[in-house]
């Protein structure tokens, strides 16, 4: 997958916004006000940071050398993923879980507003 495919996939989800709060190279995708994916647009090979369940994170890191604890983030919950060499289905599953974990961490009121708006 390339950066545009990942961006399009993420923007198709409910209440997702994009911004560059840190610099001009790191795209941040949020659901409501919380980050669920970061993507270094200038970095080659393409890398994304996603939130994952801690138990699954451990399994992923053992199984795939492209998946490591995310730099400058809580490594228990966040992974850096080098996209090259990974199957599309796995990348989409990682994105989906990150979105879902962050969505579930929103207040019930925010979740209801998002669900009712679409």
PDB file of N, CA and C in Angstrom:
ATOM      1  N   UNK A   1       0.842  -1.186   0.000  1.00  0.00           N
ATOM      2  CA  UNK A   1       0.000   0.000   0.000  1.00  0.00           C
ATOM      3  C   UNK A   1       0.883   1.243   0.000  1.00  0.00           C
ATOM      4  N   UNK A   2       0.369   2.281  -0.614  1.00  0.00           N
ATOM      5  CA  UNK A   2       1.098   3.539  -0.596  1.00  0.00           C
ATOM      6  C   UNK A   2       0.369   4.543   0.310  1.00  0.00           C
ATOM      7  N   UNK A   3       0.975   5.707   0.486  1.00  0.00           N
ATOM      8  CA  UNK A   3       0.427   6.704   1.405  1.00  0.00           C
ATOM      9  C   UNK A   3      -0.973   7.153   1.002  1.00  0.00           C
ATOM     10  N   UNK A   4      -1.216   7.332  -0.295  1.00  0.00           N
ATOM     11  CA  UNK A   4      -2.541   7.778  -0.739  1.00  0.00           C
ATOM     12  C   UNK A   4      -3.616   6.735  -0.465  1.00  0.00           C
ATOM     13  N   UNK A   5      -3.288   5.470  -0.653  1.00  0.00           N
ATOM     14  CA  UNK A   5      -4.256   4.408  -0.373  1.00  0.00           C
ATOM     15  C   UNK A   5      -4.594   4.359   1.118  1.00  0.00           C
ATOM     16  N   UNK A   6      -3.582   4.502   1.952  1.00  0.00           N
ATOM     17  CA  UNK A   6      -3.798   4.501   3.403  1.00  0.00           C
ATOM     18  C   UNK A   6      -4.637   5.711   3.804  1.00  0.00           C
ATOM     19  N   UNK A   7      -4.297   6.868   3.279  1.00  0.00           N
ATOM     20  CA  UNK A   7      -5.042   8.089   3.597  1.00  0.00           C
ATOM     21  C   UNK A   7      -6.501   7.965   3.170  1.00  0.00           C
ATOM     22  N   UNK A   8      -6.748   7.503   1.955  1.00  0.00           N
ATOM     23  CA  UNK A   8      -8.122   7.346   1.475  1.00  0.00           C
ATOM     24  C   UNK A   8      -8.905   6.368   2.347  1.00  0.00           C
ATOM     25  N   UNK A   9      -8.261   5.277   2.731  1.00  0.00           N
ATOM     26  CA  UNK A   9      -8.928   4.277   3.574  1.00  0.00           C
ATOM     27  C   UNK A   9      -9.329   4.889   4.918  1.00  0.00           C
ATOM     28  N   UNK A  10      -8.408   5.645   5.508  1.00  0.00           N
ATOM     29  CA  UNK A  10      -8.676   6.268   6.812  1.00  0.00           C
ATOM     30  C   UNK A  10      -9.752   7.345   6.726  1.00  0.00           C
ATOM     31  N   UNK A  11      -9.694   8.169   5.695  1.00  0.00           N
ATOM     32  CA  UNK A  11     -10.660   9.266   5.570  1.00  0.00           C
ATOM     33  C   UNK A  11     -12.075   8.772   5.293  1.00  0.00           C
ATOM     34  N   UNK A  12     -12.216   7.525   4.863  1.00  0.00           N
ATOM     35  CA  UNK A  12     -13.544   6.955   4.635  1.00  0.00           C
ATOM     36  C   UNK A  12     -14.234   6.568   5.945  1.00  0.00           C
ATOM     37  N   UNK A  13     -13.493   6.569   7.037  1.00  0.00           N
ATOM     38  CA  UNK A  13     -14.062   6.220   8.336  1.00  0.00           C
ATOM     39  C   UNK A  13     -14.772   7.438   8.945  1.00  0.00           C
ATOM     40  N   UNK A  14     -15.675   7.179   9.886  1.00  0.00           N
ATOM     41  CA  UNK A  14     -16.463   8.242  10.524  1.00  0.00           C
ATOM     42  C   UNK A  14     -15.587   9.211  11.310  1.00  0.00           C
ATOM     43  N   UNK A  15     -15.862  10.505  11.135  1.00  0.00           N
ATOM     44  CA  UNK A  15     -15.290  11.596  11.938  1.00  0.00           C
ATOM     45  C   UNK A  15     -13.765  11.670  11.906  1.00  0.00           C
ATOM     46  N   UNK A  16     -13.154  11.276  10.792  1.00  0.00           N
ATOM     47  CA  UNK A  16     -11.694  11.324  10.683  1.00  0.00           C
ATOM     48  C   UNK A  16     -11.272  12.647  10.065  1.00  0.00           C
ATOM     49  N   UNK A  17     -10.254  13.250  10.682  1.00  0.00           N
ATOM     50  CA  UNK A  17      -9.663  14.474  10.153  1.00  0.00           C
ATOM     51  C   UNK A  17      -8.167  14.274  10.011  1.00  0.00           C
ATOM     52  N   UNK A  18      -7.564  15.086   9.163  1.00  0.00           N
ATOM     53  CA  UNK A  18      -6.118  15.022   8.951  1.00  0.00           C
ATOM     54  C   UNK A  18      -5.499  16.374   9.283  1.00  0.00           C
ATOM     55  N   UNK A  19      -4.256  16.325   9.797  1.00  0.00           N
ATOM     56  CA  UNK A  19      -3.551  17.563  10.119  1.00  0.00           C
ATOM     57  C   UNK A  19      -2.058  17.289  10.203  1.00  0.00           C
ATOM     58  N   UNK A  20      -1.290  18.363  10.325  1.00  0.00           N
ATOM     59  CA  UNK A  20       0.156  18.300  10.489  1.00  0.00           C
ATOM     60  C   UNK A  20       0.548  19.076  11.744  1.00  0.00           C
ATOM     61  N   UNK A  21       0.199  18.590  12.941  1.00  0.00           N
ATOM     62  CA  UNK A  21       0.459  19.354  14.163  1.00  0.00           C
ATOM     63  C   UNK A  21       1.931  19.402  14.591  1.00  0.00           C
ATOM     64  N   UNK A  22       2.746  18.469  14.114  1.00  0.00           N
ATOM     65  CA  UNK A  22       4.130  18.389  14.584  1.00  0.00           C
ATOM     66  C   UNK A  22       5.122  19.020  13.617  1.00  0.00           C
ATOM     67  N   UNK A  23       4.945  18.751  12.339  1.00  0.00           N
ATOM     68  CA  UNK A  23       5.843  19.270  11.303  1.00  0.00           C
ATOM     69  C   UNK A  23       5.133  19.118   9.964  1.00  0.00           C
ATOM     70  N   UNK A  24       5.825  19.443   8.877  1.00  0.00           N
ATOM     71  CA  UNK A  24       5.211  19.369   7.554  1.00  0.00           C
ATOM     72  C   UNK A  24       5.311  17.995   6.917  1.00  0.00           C
ATOM     73  N   UNK A  25       5.887  17.038   7.613  1.00  0.00           N
ATOM     74  CA  UNK A  25       6.108  15.711   7.043  1.00  0.00           C
ATOM     75  C   UNK A  25       5.307  14.610   7.719  1.00  0.00           C
ATOM     76  N   UNK A  26       4.842  14.856   8.935  1.00  0.00           N
ATOM     77  CA  UNK A  26       4.131  13.817   9.686  1.00  0.00           C
ATOM     78  C   UNK A  26       2.635  14.093   9.665  1.00  0.00           C
ATOM     79  N   UNK A  27       1.931  13.307   8.867  1.00  0.00           N
ATOM     80  CA  UNK A  27       0.481  13.430   8.769  1.00  0.00           C
ATOM     81  C   UNK A  27      -0.153  12.706   9.947  1.00  0.00           C
ATOM     82  N   UNK A  28      -1.052  13.391  10.632  1.00  0.00           N
ATOM     83  CA  UNK A  28      -1.747  12.812  11.782  1.00  0.00           C
ATOM     84  C   UNK A  28      -3.225  12.684  11.429  1.00  0.00           C
ATOM     85  N   UNK A  29      -3.750  11.487  11.641  1.00  0.00           N
ATOM     86  CA  UNK A  29      -5.171  11.240  11.425  1.00  0.00           C
ATOM     87  C   UNK A  29      -5.826  11.025  12.779  1.00  0.00           C
ATOM     88  N   UNK A  30      -6.941  11.725  12.976  1.00  0.00           N
ATOM     89  CA  UNK A  30      -7.645  11.665  14.251  1.00  0.00           C
ATOM     90  C   UNK A  30      -9.086  11.246  14.034  1.00  0.00           C
ATOM     91  N   UNK A  31      -9.613  10.559  15.039  1.00  0.00           N
ATOM     92  CA  UNK A  31     -11.055  10.356  15.122  1.00  0.00           C
ATOM     93  C   UNK A  31     -11.504  11.292  16.234  1.00  0.00           C
ATOM     94  N   UNK A  32     -12.392  12.203  15.886  1.00  0.00           N
ATOM     95  CA  UNK A  32     -12.779  13.290  16.771  1.00  0.00           C
ATOM     96  C   UNK A  32     -11.517  14.076  17.117  1.00  0.00           C
ATOM     97  N   UNK A  33     -11.059  14.055  18.353  1.00  0.00           N
ATOM     98  CA  UNK A  33      -9.873  14.840  18.732  1.00  0.00           C
ATOM     99  C   UNK A  33      -8.658  13.972  19.052  1.00  0.00           C
ATOM    100  N   UNK A  34      -8.749  12.654  18.848  1.00  0.00           N
ATOM    101  CA  UNK A  34      -7.679  11.753  19.275  1.00  0.00           C
ATOM    102  C   UNK A  34      -6.999  11.070  18.089  1.00  0.00           C
ATOM    103  N   UNK A  35      -5.676  11.023  18.147  1.00  0.00           N
ATOM    104  CA  UNK A  35      -4.884  10.406  17.092  1.00  0.00           C
ATOM    105  C   UNK A  35      -5.094   8.895  17.042  1.00  0.00           C
ATOM    106  N   UNK A  36      -5.197   8.374  15.817  1.00  0.00           N
ATOM    107  CA  UNK A  36      -5.211   6.918  15.664  1.00  0.00           C
ATOM    108  C   UNK A  36      -4.180   6.443  14.645  1.00  0.00           C
ATOM    109  N   UNK A  37      -3.605   7.365  13.862  1.00  0.00           N
ATOM    110  CA  UNK A  37      -2.578   6.982  12.906  1.00  0.00           C
ATOM    111  C   UNK A  37      -1.685   8.171  12.606  1.00  0.00           C
ATOM    112  N   UNK A  38      -0.392   7.903  12.550  1.00  0.00           N
ATOM    113  CA  UNK A  38       0.581   8.893  12.120  1.00  0.00           C
ATOM    114  C   UNK A  38       1.321   8.303  10.933  1.00  0.00           C
ATOM    115  N   UNK A  39       1.640   9.148   9.937  1.00  0.00           N
ATOM    116  CA  UNK A  39       2.314   8.658   8.752  1.00  0.00           C
ATOM    117  C   UNK A  39       3.387   9.653   8.334  1.00  0.00           C
ATOM    118  N   UNK A  40       4.619   9.172   8.253  1.00  0.00           N
ATOM    119  CA  UNK A  40       5.727   9.995   7.789  1.00  0.00           C
ATOM    120  C   UNK A  40       5.733  10.034   6.277  1.00  0.00           C
ATOM    121  N   UNK A  41       5.293  11.133   5.691  1.00  0.00           N
ATOM    122  CA  UNK A  41       5.137  11.211   4.245  1.00  0.00           C
ATOM    123  C   UNK A  41       6.464  11.256   3.495  1.00  0.00           C
ATOM    124  N   UNK A  42       7.508  11.770   4.108  1.00  0.00           N
ATOM    125  CA  UNK A  42       8.808  11.866   3.449  1.00  0.00           C
ATOM    126  C   UNK A  42       9.690  10.660   3.719  1.00  0.00           C
ATOM    127  N   UNK A  43       9.278   9.829   4.617  1.00  0.00           N
ATOM    128  CA  UNK A  43      10.098   8.691   5.015  1.00  0.00           C
ATOM    129  C   UNK A  43       9.966   7.546   4.015  1.00  0.00           C
ATOM    130  N   UNK A  44      11.088   6.996   3.626  1.00  0.00           N
ATOM    131  CA  UNK A  44      11.109   5.831   2.741  1.00  0.00           C
ATOM    132  C   UNK A  44      11.957   4.753   3.373  1.00  0.00           C
ATOM    133  N   UNK A  45      11.469   3.529   3.520  1.00  0.00           N
ATOM    134  CA  UNK A  45      10.145   3.087   3.092  1.00  0.00           C
ATOM    135  C   UNK A  45       9.048   3.687   3.970  1.00  0.00           C
ATOM    136  N   UNK A  46       7.831   3.669   3.437  1.00  0.00           N
ATOM    137  CA  UNK A  46       6.676   4.252   4.122  1.00  0.00           C
ATOM    138  C   UNK A  46       6.463   3.583   5.476  1.00  0.00           C
ATOM    139  N   UNK A  47       6.216   4.412   6.482  1.00  0.00           N
ATOM    140  CA  UNK A  47       6.002   3.929   7.841  1.00  0.00           C
ATOM    141  C   UNK A  47       4.774   4.602   8.431  1.00  0.00           C
ATOM    142  N   UNK A  48       4.007   3.826   9.203  1.00  0.00           N
ATOM    143  CA  UNK A  48       2.857   4.381   9.921  1.00  0.00           C
ATOM    144  C   UNK A  48       2.968   3.982  11.395  1.00  0.00           C
ATOM    145  N   UNK A  49       2.379   4.777  12.258  1.00  0.00           N
ATOM    146  CA  UNK A  49       2.236   4.424  13.669  1.00  0.00           C
ATOM    147  C   UNK A  49       0.759   4.195  13.935  1.00  0.00           C
ATOM    148  N   UNK A  50       0.462   3.056  14.563  1.00  0.00           N
ATOM    149  CA  UNK A  50      -0.921   2.711  14.884  1.00  0.00           C
ATOM    150  C   UNK A  50      -1.006   2.182  16.305  1.00  0.00           C
ATOM    151  N   UNK A  51      -2.165   2.348  16.891  1.00  0.00           N
ATOM    152  CA  UNK A  51      -2.420   1.833  18.232  1.00  0.00           C
ATOM    153  C   UNK A  51      -2.945   0.404  18.106  1.00  0.00           C
ATOM    154  N   UNK A  52      -2.441  -0.495  18.958  1.00  0.00           N
ATOM    155  CA  UNK A  52      -2.914  -1.878  18.935  1.00  0.00           C
ATOM    156  C   UNK A  52      -3.071  -2.390  20.360  1.00  0.00           C
ATOM    157  N   UNK A  53      -3.869  -3.418  20.492  1.00  0.00           N
ATOM    158  CA  UNK A  53      -4.020  -4.108  21.764  1.00  0.00           C
ATOM    159  C   UNK A  53      -2.638  -4.597  22.204  1.00  0.00           C
ATOM    160  N   UNK A  54      -2.251  -4.394  23.470  1.00  0.00           N
ATOM    161  CA  UNK A  54      -0.909  -4.773  23.921  1.00  0.00           C
ATOM    162  C   UNK A  54      -0.544  -6.241  23.677  1.00  0.00           C
ATOM    163  N   UNK A  55      -1.483  -7.143  23.856  1.00  0.00           N
ATOM    164  CA  UNK A  55      -1.177  -8.560  23.618  1.00  0.00           C
ATOM    165  C   UNK A  55      -0.904  -8.817  22.141  1.00  0.00           C
ATOM    166  N   UNK A  56      -1.706  -8.209  21.283  1.00  0.00           N
ATOM    167  CA  UNK A  56      -1.489  -8.385  19.848  1.00  0.00           C
ATOM    168  C   UNK A  56      -0.187  -7.715  19.429  1.00  0.00           C
ATOM    169  N   UNK A  57       0.144  -6.581  20.049  1.00  0.00           N
ATOM    170  CA  UNK A  57       1.406  -5.900  19.745  1.00  0.00           C
ATOM    171  C   UNK A  57       2.591  -6.832  19.949  1.00  0.00           C
ATOM    172  N   UNK A  58       2.591  -7.540  21.051  1.00  0.00           N
ATOM    173  CA  UNK A  58       3.695  -8.461  21.345  1.00  0.00           C
ATOM    174  C   UNK A  58       3.790  -9.548  20.281  1.00  0.00           C
ATOM    175  N   UNK A  59       2.652 -10.098  19.889  1.00  0.00           N
ATOM    176  CA  UNK A  59       2.640 -11.130  18.844  1.00  0.00           C
ATOM    177  C   UNK A  59       3.151 -10.583  17.521  1.00  0.00           C
ATOM    178  N   UNK A  60       2.671  -9.406  17.154  1.00  0.00           N
ATOM    179  CA  UNK A  60       3.071  -8.798  15.890  1.00  0.00           C
ATOM    180  C   UNK A  60       4.575  -8.547  15.839  1.00  0.00           C
ATOM    181  N   UNK A  61       5.123  -8.037  16.930  1.00  0.00           N
ATOM    182  CA  UNK A  61       6.556  -7.722  16.970  1.00  0.00           C
ATOM    183  C   UNK A  61       7.412  -8.975  16.869  1.00  0.00           C
ATOM    184  N   UNK A  62       6.914 -10.083  17.409  1.00  0.00           N
ATOM    185  CA  UNK A  62       7.643 -11.345  17.301  1.00  0.00           C
ATOM    186  C   UNK A  62       7.570 -11.902  15.887  1.00  0.00           C
ATOM    187  N   UNK A  63       6.434 -11.734  15.245  1.00  0.00           N
ATOM    188  CA  UNK A  63       6.186 -12.347  13.947  1.00  0.00           C
ATOM    189  C   UNK A  63       6.718 -11.526  12.766  1.00  0.00           C
ATOM    190  N   UNK A  64       6.704 -10.205  12.875  1.00  0.00           N
ATOM    191  CA  UNK A  64       7.068  -9.344  11.748  1.00  0.00           C
ATOM    192  C   UNK A  64       8.192  -8.380  12.129  1.00  0.00           C
ATOM    193  N   UNK A  65       9.332  -8.458  11.452  1.00  0.00           N
ATOM    194  CA  UNK A  65      10.414  -7.504  11.748  1.00  0.00           C
ATOM    195  C   UNK A  65      10.059  -6.066  11.357  1.00  0.00           C
ATOM    196  N   UNK A  66       9.045  -5.892  10.518  1.00  0.00           N
ATOM    197  CA  UNK A  66       8.616  -4.552  10.099  1.00  0.00           C
ATOM    198  C   UNK A  66       7.800  -3.832  11.175  1.00  0.00           C
ATOM    199  N   UNK A  67       7.448  -4.537  12.255  1.00  0.00           N
ATOM    200  CA  UNK A  67       6.603  -3.943  13.296  1.00  0.00           C
ATOM    201  C   UNK A  67       7.397  -3.859  14.596  1.00  0.00           C
ATOM    202  N   UNK A  68       7.541  -2.634  15.095  1.00  0.00           N
ATOM    203  CA  UNK A  68       8.310  -2.378  16.317  1.00  0.00           C
ATOM    204  C   UNK A  68       7.553  -1.383  17.191  1.00  0.00           C
ATOM    205  N   UNK A  69       8.024  -1.196  18.421  1.00  0.00           N
ATOM    206  CA  UNK A  69       7.435  -0.184  19.292  1.00  0.00           C
ATOM    207  C   UNK A  69       7.615   1.191  18.675  1.00  0.00           C
ATOM    208  N   UNK A  70       6.593   2.013  18.744  1.00  0.00           N
ATOM    209  CA  UNK A  70       6.614   3.326  18.093  1.00  0.00           C
ATOM    210  C   UNK A  70       7.536   4.298  18.813  1.00  0.00           C
ATOM    211  N   UNK A  71       8.372   4.944  18.041  1.00  0.00           N
ATOM    212  CA  UNK A  71       9.321   5.944  18.531  1.00  0.00           C
ATOM    213  C   UNK A  71       8.558   7.128  19.125  1.00  0.00           C
ATOM    214  N   UNK A  72       8.976   7.576  20.304  1.00  0.00           N
ATOM    215  CA  UNK A  72       8.375   8.725  21.006  1.00  0.00           C
ATOM    216  C   UNK A  72       6.919   8.519  21.414  1.00  0.00           C
ATOM    217  N   UNK A  73       6.482   7.258  21.471  1.00  0.00           N
ATOM    218  CA  UNK A  73       5.097   6.986  21.871  1.00  0.00           C
ATOM    219  C   UNK A  73       5.108   5.836  22.865  1.00  0.00           C
ATOM    220  N   UNK A  74       3.997   5.607  23.517  1.00  0.00           N
ATOM    221  CA  UNK A  74       3.882   4.510  24.464  1.00  0.00           C
ATOM    222  C   UNK A  74       4.003   3.188  23.702  1.00  0.00           C
ATOM    223  N   UNK A  75       5.126   2.516  23.880  1.00  0.00           N
ATOM    224  CA  UNK A  75       5.418   1.305  23.120  1.00  0.00           C
ATOM    225  C   UNK A  75       4.550   0.115  23.514  1.00  0.00           C
ATOM    226  N   UNK A  76       3.851   0.207  24.612  1.00  0.00           N
ATOM    227  CA  UNK A  76       2.921  -0.845  24.999  1.00  0.00           C
ATOM    228  C   UNK A  76       1.705  -0.835  24.070  1.00  0.00           C
ATOM    229  N   UNK A  77       1.301   0.356  23.656  1.00  0.00           N
ATOM    230  CA  UNK A  77       0.072   0.505  22.882  1.00  0.00           C
ATOM    231  C   UNK A  77       0.279   0.917  21.429  1.00  0.00           C
ATOM    232  N   UNK A  78       1.434   1.463  21.092  1.00  0.00           N
ATOM    233  CA  UNK A  78       1.659   1.995  19.753  1.00  0.00           C
ATOM    234  C   UNK A  78       2.784   1.254  19.047  1.00  0.00           C
ATOM    235  N   UNK A  79       2.570   0.969  17.765  1.00  0.00           N
ATOM    236  CA  UNK A  79       3.563   0.296  16.932  1.00  0.00           C
ATOM    237  C   UNK A  79       3.923   1.147  15.729  1.00  0.00           C
ATOM    238  N   UNK A  80       5.188   1.090  15.352  1.00  0.00           N
ATOM    239  CA  UNK A  80       5.636   1.610  14.064  1.00  0.00           C
ATOM    240  C   UNK A  80       5.600   0.448  13.091  1.00  0.00           C
ATOM    241  N   UNK A  81       5.050   0.697  11.928  1.00  0.00           N
ATOM    242  CA  UNK A  81       4.867  -0.353  10.937  1.00  0.00           C
ATOM    243  C   UNK A  81       5.493   0.094   9.619  1.00  0.00           C
ATOM    244  N   UNK A  82       6.537  -0.628   9.177  1.00  0.00           N
ATOM    245  CA  UNK A  82       7.080  -0.399   7.845  1.00  0.00           C
ATOM    246  C   UNK A  82       6.166  -1.146   6.882  1.00  0.00           C
ATOM    247  N   UNK A  83       5.507  -0.422   6.028  1.00  0.00           N
ATOM    248  CA  UNK A  83       4.453  -0.974   5.183  1.00  0.00           C
ATOM    249  C   UNK A  83       4.997  -1.983   4.160  1.00  0.00           C
ATOM    250  N   UNK A  84       6.182  -1.707   3.612  1.00  0.00           N
ATOM    251  CA  UNK A  84       6.758  -2.602   2.597  1.00  0.00           C
ATOM    252  C   UNK A  84       6.900  -4.022   3.119  1.00  0.00           C
ATOM    253  N   UNK A  85       6.442  -4.970   2.329  1.00  0.00           N
ATOM    254  CA  UNK A  85       6.584  -6.376   2.674  1.00  0.00           C
ATOM    255  C   UNK A  85       5.440  -6.944   3.485  1.00  0.00           C
ATOM    256  N   UNK A  86       4.510  -6.099   3.914  1.00  0.00           N
ATOM    257  CA  UNK A  86       3.352  -6.600   4.669  1.00  0.00           C
ATOM    258  C   UNK A  86       2.146  -6.692   3.745  1.00  0.00           C
ATOM    259  N   UNK A  87       1.303  -7.671   3.991  1.00  0.00           N
ATOM    260  CA  UNK A  87       0.097  -7.848   3.186  1.00  0.00           C
ATOM    261  C   UNK A  87      -0.892  -6.729   3.461  1.00  0.00           C
ATOM    262  N   UNK A  88      -1.590  -6.342   2.421  1.00  0.00           N
ATOM    263  CA  UNK A  88      -2.606  -5.275   2.498  1.00  0.00           C
ATOM    264  C   UNK A  88      -3.626  -5.563   3.597  1.00  0.00           C
ATOM    265  N   UNK A  89      -4.074  -6.817   3.683  1.00  0.00           N
ATOM    266  CA  UNK A  89      -5.073  -7.183   4.687  1.00  0.00           C
ATOM    267  C   UNK A  89      -4.586  -6.909   6.107  1.00  0.00           C
ATOM    268  N   UNK A  90      -3.319  -7.187   6.376  1.00  0.00           N
ATOM    269  CA  UNK A  90      -2.771  -6.937   7.710  1.00  0.00           C
ATOM    270  C   UNK A  90      -2.706  -5.436   7.981  1.00  0.00           C
ATOM    271  N   UNK A  91      -2.280  -4.668   7.017  1.00  0.00           N
ATOM    272  CA  UNK A  91      -2.202  -3.212   7.196  1.00  0.00           C
ATOM    273  C   UNK A  91      -3.596  -2.638   7.478  1.00  0.00           C
ATOM    274  N   UNK A  92      -4.596  -3.096   6.724  1.00  0.00           N
ATOM    275  CA  UNK A  92      -5.964  -2.615   6.949  1.00  0.00           C
ATOM    276  C   UNK A  92      -6.481  -3.044   8.320  1.00  0.00           C
ATOM    277  N   UNK A  93      -6.136  -4.246   8.737  1.00  0.00           N
ATOM    278  CA  UNK A  93      -6.551  -4.727  10.064  1.00  0.00           C
ATOM    279  C   UNK A  93      -5.905  -3.884  11.165  1.00  0.00           C
ATOM    280  N   UNK A  94      -4.640  -3.520  10.987  1.00  0.00           N
ATOM    281  CA  UNK A  94      -3.956  -2.661  11.959  1.00  0.00           C
ATOM    282  C   UNK A  94      -4.621  -1.288  12.034  1.00  0.00           C
ATOM    283  N   UNK A  95      -4.949  -0.724  10.883  1.00  0.00           N
ATOM    284  CA  UNK A  95      -5.622   0.578  10.844  1.00  0.00           C
ATOM    285  C   UNK A  95      -6.995   0.486  11.510  1.00  0.00           C
ATOM    286  N   UNK A  96      -7.741  -0.561  11.174  1.00  0.00           N
ATOM    287  CA  UNK A  96      -9.079  -0.732  11.753  1.00  0.00           C
ATOM    288  C   UNK A  96      -9.017  -0.839  13.274  1.00  0.00           C
ATOM    289  N   UNK A  97      -8.075  -1.641  13.783  1.00  0.00           N
ATOM    290  CA  UNK A  97      -8.010  -1.797  15.226  1.00  0.00           C
ATOM    291  C   UNK A  97      -7.604  -0.485  15.892  1.00  0.00           C
ATOM    292  N   UNK A  98      -6.679   0.239  15.306  1.00  0.00           N
ATOM    293  CA  UNK A  98      -6.268   1.518  15.874  1.00  0.00           C
ATOM    294  C   UNK A  98      -7.458   2.466  15.957  1.00  0.00           C
ATOM    295  N   UNK A  99      -8.196   2.575  14.863  1.00  0.00           N
ATOM    296  CA  UNK A  99      -9.383   3.439  14.839  1.00  0.00           C
ATOM    297  C   UNK A  99     -10.380   3.011  15.914  1.00  0.00           C
ATOM    298  N   UNK A 100     -10.665   1.719  15.978  1.00  0.00           N
ATOM    299  CA  UNK A 100     -11.657   1.215  16.928  1.00  0.00           C
ATOM    300  C   UNK A 100     -11.233   1.439  18.381  1.00  0.00           C
ATOM    301  N   UNK A 101      -9.956   1.206  18.685  1.00  0.00           N
ATOM    302  CA  UNK A 101      -9.481   1.428  20.054  1.00  0.00           C
ATOM    303  C   UNK A 101      -9.611   2.893  20.452  1.00  0.00           C
ATOM    304  N   UNK A 102      -9.252   3.780  19.546  1.00  0.00           N
ATOM    305  CA  UNK A 102      -9.335   5.205  19.854  1.00  0.00           C
ATOM    306  C   UNK A 102     -10.797   5.648  19.921  1.00  0.00           C
ATOM    307  N   UNK A 103     -11.630   5.169  19.006  1.00  0.00           N
ATOM    308  CA  UNK A 103     -13.054   5.513  19.038  1.00  0.00           C
ATOM    309  C   UNK A 103     -13.672   5.099  20.367  1.00  0.00           C
ATOM    310  N   UNK A 104     -13.356   3.896  20.836  1.00  0.00           N
ATOM    311  CA  UNK A 104     -13.902   3.397  22.101  1.00  0.00           C
ATOM    312  C   UNK A 104     -13.406   4.207  23.301  1.00  0.00           C
ATOM    313  N   UNK A 105     -12.274   4.903  23.152  1.00  0.00           N
ATOM    314  CA  UNK A 105     -11.740   5.702  24.259  1.00  0.00           C
ATOM    315  C   UNK A 105     -12.405   7.082  24.339  1.00  0.00           C
ATOM    316  N   UNK A 106     -13.180   7.438  23.319  1.00  0.00           N
ATOM    317  CA  UNK A 106     -13.906   8.710  23.348  1.00  0.00           C
ATOM    318  C   UNK A 106     -15.028   8.629  24.372  1.00  0.00           C
ATOM    319  N   UNK A 107     -15.484   9.769  24.816  1.00  0.00           N
ATOM    320  CA  UNK A 107     -16.632   9.773  25.722  1.00  0.00           C
ATOM    321  C   UNK A 107     -17.847   9.193  25.001  1.00  0.00           C
ATOM    322  N   UNK A 108     -18.770   8.665  25.772  1.00  0.00           N
ATOM    323  CA  UNK A 108     -20.002   8.124  25.180  1.00  0.00           C
ATOM    324  C   UNK A 108     -20.741   9.208  24.398  1.00  0.00           C
ATOM    325  N   UNK A 109     -20.703  10.414  24.912  1.00  0.00           N
ATOM    326  CA  UNK A 109     -21.371  11.524  24.235  1.00  0.00           C
ATOM    327  C   UNK A 109     -20.744  11.755  22.859  1.00  0.00           C
ATOM    328  N   UNK A 110     -19.413  11.785  22.804  1.00  0.00           N
ATOM    329  CA  UNK A 110     -18.725  11.984  21.520  1.00  0.00           C
ATOM    330  C   UNK A 110     -19.011  10.829  20.567  1.00  0.00           C
ATOM    331  N   UNK A 111     -19.010   9.606  21.072  1.00  0.00           N
ATOM    332  CA  UNK A 111     -19.325   8.446  20.236  1.00  0.00           C
ATOM    333  C   UNK A 111     -20.734   8.565  19.658  1.00  0.00           C
ATOM    334  N   UNK A 112     -21.677   8.954  20.506  1.00  0.00           N
ATOM    335  CA  UNK A 112     -23.069   9.099  20.043  1.00  0.00           C
ATOM    336  C   UNK A 112     -23.213  10.187  18.989  1.00  0.00           C
ATOM    337  N   UNK A 113     -22.522  11.311  19.173  1.00  0.00           N
ATOM    338  CA  UNK A 113     -22.584  12.396  18.194  1.00  0.00           C
ATOM    339  C   UNK A 113     -22.047  11.910  16.852  1.00  0.00           C
ATOM    340  N   UNK A 114     -20.935  11.184  16.886  1.00  0.00           N
ATOM    341  CA  UNK A 114     -20.347  10.665  15.645  1.00  0.00           C
ATOM    342  C   UNK A 114     -21.290   9.663  14.988  1.00  0.00           C
ATOM    343  N   UNK A 115     -21.821   8.743  15.772  1.00  0.00           N
ATOM    344  CA  UNK A 115     -22.714   7.729  15.201  1.00  0.00           C
ATOM    345  C   UNK A 115     -24.006   8.319  14.659  1.00  0.00           C
ATOM    346  N   UNK A 116     -24.505   9.363  15.302  1.00  0.00           N
ATOM    347  CA  UNK A 116     -25.756   9.979  14.866  1.00  0.00           C
ATOM    348  C   UNK A 116     -25.566  10.906  13.667  1.00  0.00           C
ATOM    349  N   UNK A 117     -24.354  11.393  13.469  1.00  0.00           N
ATOM    350  CA  UNK A 117     -24.102  12.345  12.382  1.00  0.00           C
ATOM    351  C   UNK A 117     -24.030  11.671  11.028  1.00  0.00           C
ATOM    352  N   UNK A 118     -23.895  10.379  11.005  1.00  0.00           N
ATOM    353  CA  UNK A 118     -23.772   9.691   9.703  1.00  0.00           C
ATOM    354  C   UNK A 118     -24.854   8.680   9.503  1.00  0.00           C
TER     355      UNK A 118
END
